[in-house]
């Protein structure tokens, strides 16, 4: 069993953390996913990708997906994160989601 709050606070202490969500929002969200055995995570609008990388680091997901109109350099070297370089409002995204 992971201590979610501890993991969030540990990450936030790093100078390059970059996670934009508040711990009081993120902790119950992650706990909900654990409680409901969610095994994949999709983030739309990833900015620099720090939250996506944090979700990956937690090790609770089998697959991580991300979508943004701009590819964040911080995701370089993370080929295990499936990234769609497109708008979530377009047909490309809808086809990608269906697959």
N, C-alpha and C. Protein backbone atom coordinates (compact mmCIF):
# COMPACT_ATOMS: atom_id res chain seq x y z
N UNK A 1 0.85 -1.18 0.00
CA UNK A 1 0.00 0.00 0.00
C UNK A 1 0.90 1.24 0.00
N UNK A 2 0.64 2.13 -0.93
CA UNK A 2 1.45 3.34 -1.00
C UNK A 2 0.80 4.46 -0.21
N UNK A 3 1.64 5.30 0.37
CA UNK A 3 1.16 6.48 1.06
C UNK A 3 1.14 7.61 0.04
N UNK A 4 -0.03 7.89 -0.49
CA UNK A 4 -0.17 8.85 -1.58
C UNK A 4 0.30 10.24 -1.16
N UNK A 5 -0.15 10.69 0.00
CA UNK A 5 0.22 12.04 0.47
C UNK A 5 1.74 12.16 0.58
N UNK A 6 2.37 11.14 1.10
CA UNK A 6 3.82 11.16 1.25
C UNK A 6 4.51 11.25 -0.11
N UNK A 7 4.01 10.50 -1.10
CA UNK A 7 4.59 10.53 -2.44
C UNK A 7 4.42 11.91 -3.08
N UNK A 8 3.25 12.51 -2.90
CA UNK A 8 3.01 13.84 -3.44
C UNK A 8 3.94 14.86 -2.79
N UNK A 9 4.02 14.83 -1.48
CA UNK A 9 4.87 15.80 -0.77
C UNK A 9 6.34 15.59 -1.10
N UNK A 10 6.74 14.35 -1.23
CA UNK A 10 8.12 14.03 -1.62
C UNK A 10 8.44 14.65 -2.98
N UNK A 11 7.54 14.51 -3.90
CA UNK A 11 7.72 15.06 -5.24
C UNK A 11 7.72 16.58 -5.21
N UNK A 12 6.84 17.18 -4.44
CA UNK A 12 6.73 18.65 -4.39
C UNK A 12 7.96 19.30 -3.75
N UNK A 13 8.70 18.55 -2.95
CA UNK A 13 9.92 19.10 -2.34
C UNK A 13 11.04 19.27 -3.36
N UNK A 14 10.96 18.59 -4.49
CA UNK A 14 11.99 18.71 -5.52
C UNK A 14 11.86 20.06 -6.22
N UNK A 15 12.97 20.67 -6.51
CA UNK A 15 12.95 22.01 -7.10
C UNK A 15 12.34 22.02 -8.51
N UNK A 16 12.42 20.90 -9.22
CA UNK A 16 11.88 20.85 -10.58
C UNK A 16 10.55 20.11 -10.64
N UNK A 17 9.80 20.08 -9.54
CA UNK A 17 8.57 19.30 -9.46
C UNK A 17 7.62 19.61 -10.60
N UNK A 18 7.13 20.79 -10.71
CA UNK A 18 6.28 21.20 -11.82
C UNK A 18 4.85 20.68 -11.80
N UNK A 19 4.44 19.91 -10.79
CA UNK A 19 3.06 19.44 -10.72
C UNK A 19 2.17 20.62 -10.35
N UNK A 20 1.16 20.87 -11.17
CA UNK A 20 0.31 22.04 -10.99
C UNK A 20 -0.88 21.79 -10.06
N UNK A 21 -1.25 20.53 -9.84
CA UNK A 21 -2.40 20.21 -9.03
C UNK A 21 -2.08 20.36 -7.54
N UNK A 22 -3.08 20.76 -6.77
CA UNK A 22 -2.92 20.85 -5.32
C UNK A 22 -2.97 19.44 -4.72
N UNK A 23 -2.16 19.18 -3.70
CA UNK A 23 -2.19 17.86 -3.06
C UNK A 23 -3.59 17.44 -2.60
N UNK A 24 -4.38 18.40 -2.11
CA UNK A 24 -5.73 18.07 -1.64
C UNK A 24 -6.66 17.66 -2.78
N UNK A 25 -6.30 17.99 -4.01
CA UNK A 25 -7.06 17.54 -5.18
C UNK A 25 -6.51 16.22 -5.70
N UNK A 26 -5.20 16.14 -5.74
CA UNK A 26 -4.53 14.99 -6.34
C UNK A 26 -4.66 13.72 -5.50
N UNK A 27 -4.54 13.86 -4.20
CA UNK A 27 -4.59 12.68 -3.32
C UNK A 27 -5.91 11.91 -3.44
N UNK A 28 -7.08 12.55 -3.31
CA UNK A 28 -8.32 11.78 -3.44
C UNK A 28 -8.55 11.23 -4.85
N UNK A 29 -8.05 11.94 -5.85
CA UNK A 29 -8.16 11.47 -7.22
C UNK A 29 -7.38 10.17 -7.41
N UNK A 30 -6.16 10.15 -6.92
CA UNK A 30 -5.33 8.94 -7.02
C UNK A 30 -5.94 7.82 -6.18
N UNK A 31 -6.42 8.14 -4.99
CA UNK A 31 -7.03 7.12 -4.14
C UNK A 31 -8.26 6.52 -4.80
N UNK A 32 -9.05 7.35 -5.47
CA UNK A 32 -10.22 6.86 -6.20
C UNK A 32 -9.79 5.84 -7.27
N UNK A 33 -8.72 6.16 -7.99
CA UNK A 33 -8.26 5.26 -9.04
C UNK A 33 -7.75 3.95 -8.46
N UNK A 34 -7.07 4.00 -7.33
CA UNK A 34 -6.60 2.78 -6.67
C UNK A 34 -7.79 1.96 -6.19
N UNK A 35 -8.73 2.62 -5.50
CA UNK A 35 -9.90 1.93 -4.95
C UNK A 35 -10.74 1.25 -6.03
N UNK A 36 -10.74 1.82 -7.24
CA UNK A 36 -11.55 1.30 -8.32
C UNK A 36 -10.75 0.51 -9.36
N UNK A 37 -9.52 0.17 -8.97
CA UNK A 37 -8.66 -0.68 -9.79
C UNK A 37 -8.48 -0.14 -11.22
N UNK A 38 -8.34 1.16 -11.33
CA UNK A 38 -8.11 1.79 -12.63
C UNK A 38 -6.68 1.47 -13.05
N UNK A 39 -6.50 0.97 -14.27
CA UNK A 39 -5.19 0.52 -14.72
C UNK A 39 -4.61 1.33 -15.87
N UNK A 40 -5.35 2.33 -16.34
CA UNK A 40 -4.79 3.22 -17.36
C UNK A 40 -5.12 4.66 -16.99
N UNK A 41 -4.25 5.56 -17.45
CA UNK A 41 -4.39 6.97 -17.11
C UNK A 41 -4.19 7.79 -18.38
N UNK A 42 -5.11 8.71 -18.64
CA UNK A 42 -5.01 9.63 -19.77
C UNK A 42 -5.05 11.05 -19.25
N UNK A 43 -4.06 11.84 -19.66
CA UNK A 43 -4.07 13.26 -19.31
C UNK A 43 -4.12 14.06 -20.61
N UNK A 44 -5.07 14.97 -20.67
CA UNK A 44 -5.23 15.85 -21.82
C UNK A 44 -4.75 17.24 -21.40
N UNK A 45 -3.84 17.79 -22.19
CA UNK A 45 -3.26 19.09 -21.84
C UNK A 45 -2.18 18.89 -20.79
N UNK A 46 -1.02 18.44 -21.20
CA UNK A 46 0.00 18.01 -20.25
C UNK A 46 1.04 19.08 -19.89
N UNK A 47 1.00 20.21 -20.56
CA UNK A 47 1.95 21.29 -20.35
C UNK A 47 3.38 20.75 -20.47
N UNK A 48 4.10 20.57 -19.36
CA UNK A 48 5.47 20.04 -19.41
C UNK A 48 5.53 18.54 -19.16
N UNK A 49 4.40 17.94 -18.77
CA UNK A 49 4.36 16.49 -18.57
C UNK A 49 4.70 16.01 -17.18
N UNK A 50 4.86 16.92 -16.23
CA UNK A 50 5.30 16.52 -14.89
C UNK A 50 4.27 15.67 -14.15
N UNK A 51 2.99 16.00 -14.30
CA UNK A 51 1.97 15.19 -13.62
C UNK A 51 1.89 13.80 -14.24
N UNK A 52 2.02 13.72 -15.56
CA UNK A 52 2.02 12.43 -16.25
C UNK A 52 3.19 11.58 -15.75
N UNK A 53 4.36 12.19 -15.64
CA UNK A 53 5.53 11.45 -15.15
C UNK A 53 5.34 11.00 -13.71
N UNK A 54 4.71 11.84 -12.89
CA UNK A 54 4.43 11.45 -11.51
C UNK A 54 3.49 10.26 -11.46
N UNK A 55 2.45 10.28 -12.28
CA UNK A 55 1.52 9.15 -12.32
C UNK A 55 2.25 7.86 -12.72
N UNK A 56 3.18 7.99 -13.65
CA UNK A 56 3.98 6.84 -14.07
C UNK A 56 4.83 6.33 -12.90
N UNK A 57 5.46 7.26 -12.19
CA UNK A 57 6.33 6.90 -11.06
C UNK A 57 5.57 6.17 -9.95
N UNK A 58 4.29 6.45 -9.80
CA UNK A 58 3.51 5.78 -8.75
C UNK A 58 3.46 4.28 -8.96
N UNK A 59 3.52 3.86 -10.23
CA UNK A 59 3.54 2.44 -10.54
C UNK A 59 2.20 1.73 -10.36
N UNK A 60 1.11 2.47 -10.41
CA UNK A 60 -0.21 1.85 -10.21
C UNK A 60 -0.95 1.62 -11.52
N UNK A 61 -0.39 2.11 -12.64
CA UNK A 61 -1.05 2.00 -13.93
C UNK A 61 -0.28 1.08 -14.86
N UNK A 62 -1.03 0.33 -15.65
CA UNK A 62 -0.41 -0.52 -16.68
C UNK A 62 -0.04 0.31 -17.90
N UNK A 63 -0.86 1.31 -18.22
CA UNK A 63 -0.62 2.17 -19.39
C UNK A 63 -0.88 3.62 -19.02
N UNK A 64 -0.03 4.49 -19.58
CA UNK A 64 -0.16 5.93 -19.40
C UNK A 64 -0.29 6.55 -20.79
N UNK A 65 -1.29 7.42 -20.95
CA UNK A 65 -1.54 8.11 -22.21
C UNK A 65 -1.56 9.61 -21.95
N UNK A 66 -1.15 10.37 -22.97
CA UNK A 66 -1.18 11.83 -22.86
C UNK A 66 -1.48 12.42 -24.23
N UNK A 67 -2.12 13.58 -24.20
CA UNK A 67 -2.48 14.26 -25.44
C UNK A 67 -2.30 15.76 -25.24
N UNK A 68 -1.65 16.39 -26.23
CA UNK A 68 -1.49 17.84 -26.19
C UNK A 68 -1.14 18.32 -27.59
N UNK A 69 -1.35 19.60 -27.84
CA UNK A 69 -1.00 20.17 -29.14
C UNK A 69 0.51 20.44 -29.23
N UNK A 70 1.18 20.41 -28.09
CA UNK A 70 2.63 20.62 -28.06
C UNK A 70 3.27 19.46 -27.31
N UNK A 71 4.30 18.86 -27.92
CA UNK A 71 5.00 17.75 -27.26
C UNK A 71 5.96 18.32 -26.21
N UNK A 72 5.81 17.93 -24.95
CA UNK A 72 6.70 18.44 -23.91
C UNK A 72 8.05 17.71 -23.91
N UNK A 73 9.12 18.46 -23.93
CA UNK A 73 10.47 17.88 -23.94
C UNK A 73 10.71 16.97 -22.75
N UNK A 74 10.06 17.23 -21.63
CA UNK A 74 10.28 16.41 -20.43
C UNK A 74 9.79 14.96 -20.62
N UNK A 75 9.02 14.71 -21.67
CA UNK A 75 8.58 13.34 -21.95
C UNK A 75 9.56 12.58 -22.84
N UNK A 76 10.60 13.28 -23.33
CA UNK A 76 11.62 12.60 -24.13
C UNK A 76 12.21 11.45 -23.32
N UNK A 77 12.40 10.32 -23.97
CA UNK A 77 12.97 9.17 -23.31
C UNK A 77 11.95 8.34 -22.54
N UNK A 78 10.70 8.69 -22.63
CA UNK A 78 9.64 7.95 -21.94
C UNK A 78 8.70 7.32 -22.98
N UNK A 79 9.25 6.42 -23.76
CA UNK A 79 8.48 5.80 -24.84
C UNK A 79 7.35 4.93 -24.32
N UNK A 80 7.35 4.63 -23.03
CA UNK A 80 6.26 3.85 -22.44
C UNK A 80 5.02 4.70 -22.18
N UNK A 81 5.14 6.01 -22.34
CA UNK A 81 3.99 6.91 -22.25
C UNK A 81 3.49 7.14 -23.68
N UNK A 82 2.28 6.71 -23.96
CA UNK A 82 1.72 6.85 -25.30
C UNK A 82 1.23 8.28 -25.46
N UNK A 83 1.84 9.01 -26.39
CA UNK A 83 1.54 10.43 -26.55
C UNK A 83 0.90 10.69 -27.90
N UNK A 84 -0.20 11.43 -27.90
CA UNK A 84 -0.82 11.90 -29.13
C UNK A 84 -0.56 13.39 -29.27
N UNK A 85 0.11 13.76 -30.34
CA UNK A 85 0.43 15.16 -30.61
C UNK A 85 -0.69 15.73 -31.47
N UNK A 86 -1.77 16.15 -30.81
CA UNK A 86 -2.96 16.65 -31.52
C UNK A 86 -3.88 17.35 -30.51
N UNK A 87 -4.88 17.99 -31.05
CA UNK A 87 -5.91 18.61 -30.22
C UNK A 87 -6.91 17.55 -29.78
N UNK A 88 -7.36 17.65 -28.55
CA UNK A 88 -8.37 16.71 -28.06
C UNK A 88 -9.75 17.03 -28.62
N UNK A 89 -9.86 18.08 -29.40
CA UNK A 89 -11.14 18.48 -30.00
C UNK A 89 -11.29 18.00 -31.44
N UNK A 90 -10.25 17.36 -31.97
CA UNK A 90 -10.28 17.00 -33.38
C UNK A 90 -10.60 15.54 -33.65
N UNK A 91 -10.75 15.25 -34.92
CA UNK A 91 -11.06 13.89 -35.38
C UNK A 91 -9.90 12.93 -35.09
N UNK A 92 -8.68 13.41 -35.18
CA UNK A 92 -7.52 12.57 -34.90
C UNK A 92 -7.61 12.01 -33.48
N UNK A 93 -7.97 12.86 -32.55
CA UNK A 93 -8.12 12.43 -31.15
C UNK A 93 -9.24 11.40 -31.01
N UNK A 94 -10.37 11.68 -31.63
CA UNK A 94 -11.51 10.75 -31.53
C UNK A 94 -11.15 9.37 -32.08
N UNK A 95 -10.45 9.32 -33.19
CA UNK A 95 -10.02 8.04 -33.78
C UNK A 95 -9.01 7.35 -32.85
N UNK A 96 -8.11 8.12 -32.29
CA UNK A 96 -7.09 7.58 -31.37
C UNK A 96 -7.76 6.96 -30.15
N UNK A 97 -8.73 7.65 -29.58
CA UNK A 97 -9.45 7.14 -28.41
C UNK A 97 -10.20 5.85 -28.71
N UNK A 98 -10.82 5.78 -29.88
CA UNK A 98 -11.55 4.58 -30.27
C UNK A 98 -10.63 3.36 -30.37
N UNK A 99 -9.39 3.62 -30.80
CA UNK A 99 -8.46 2.50 -30.97
C UNK A 99 -7.97 2.01 -29.62
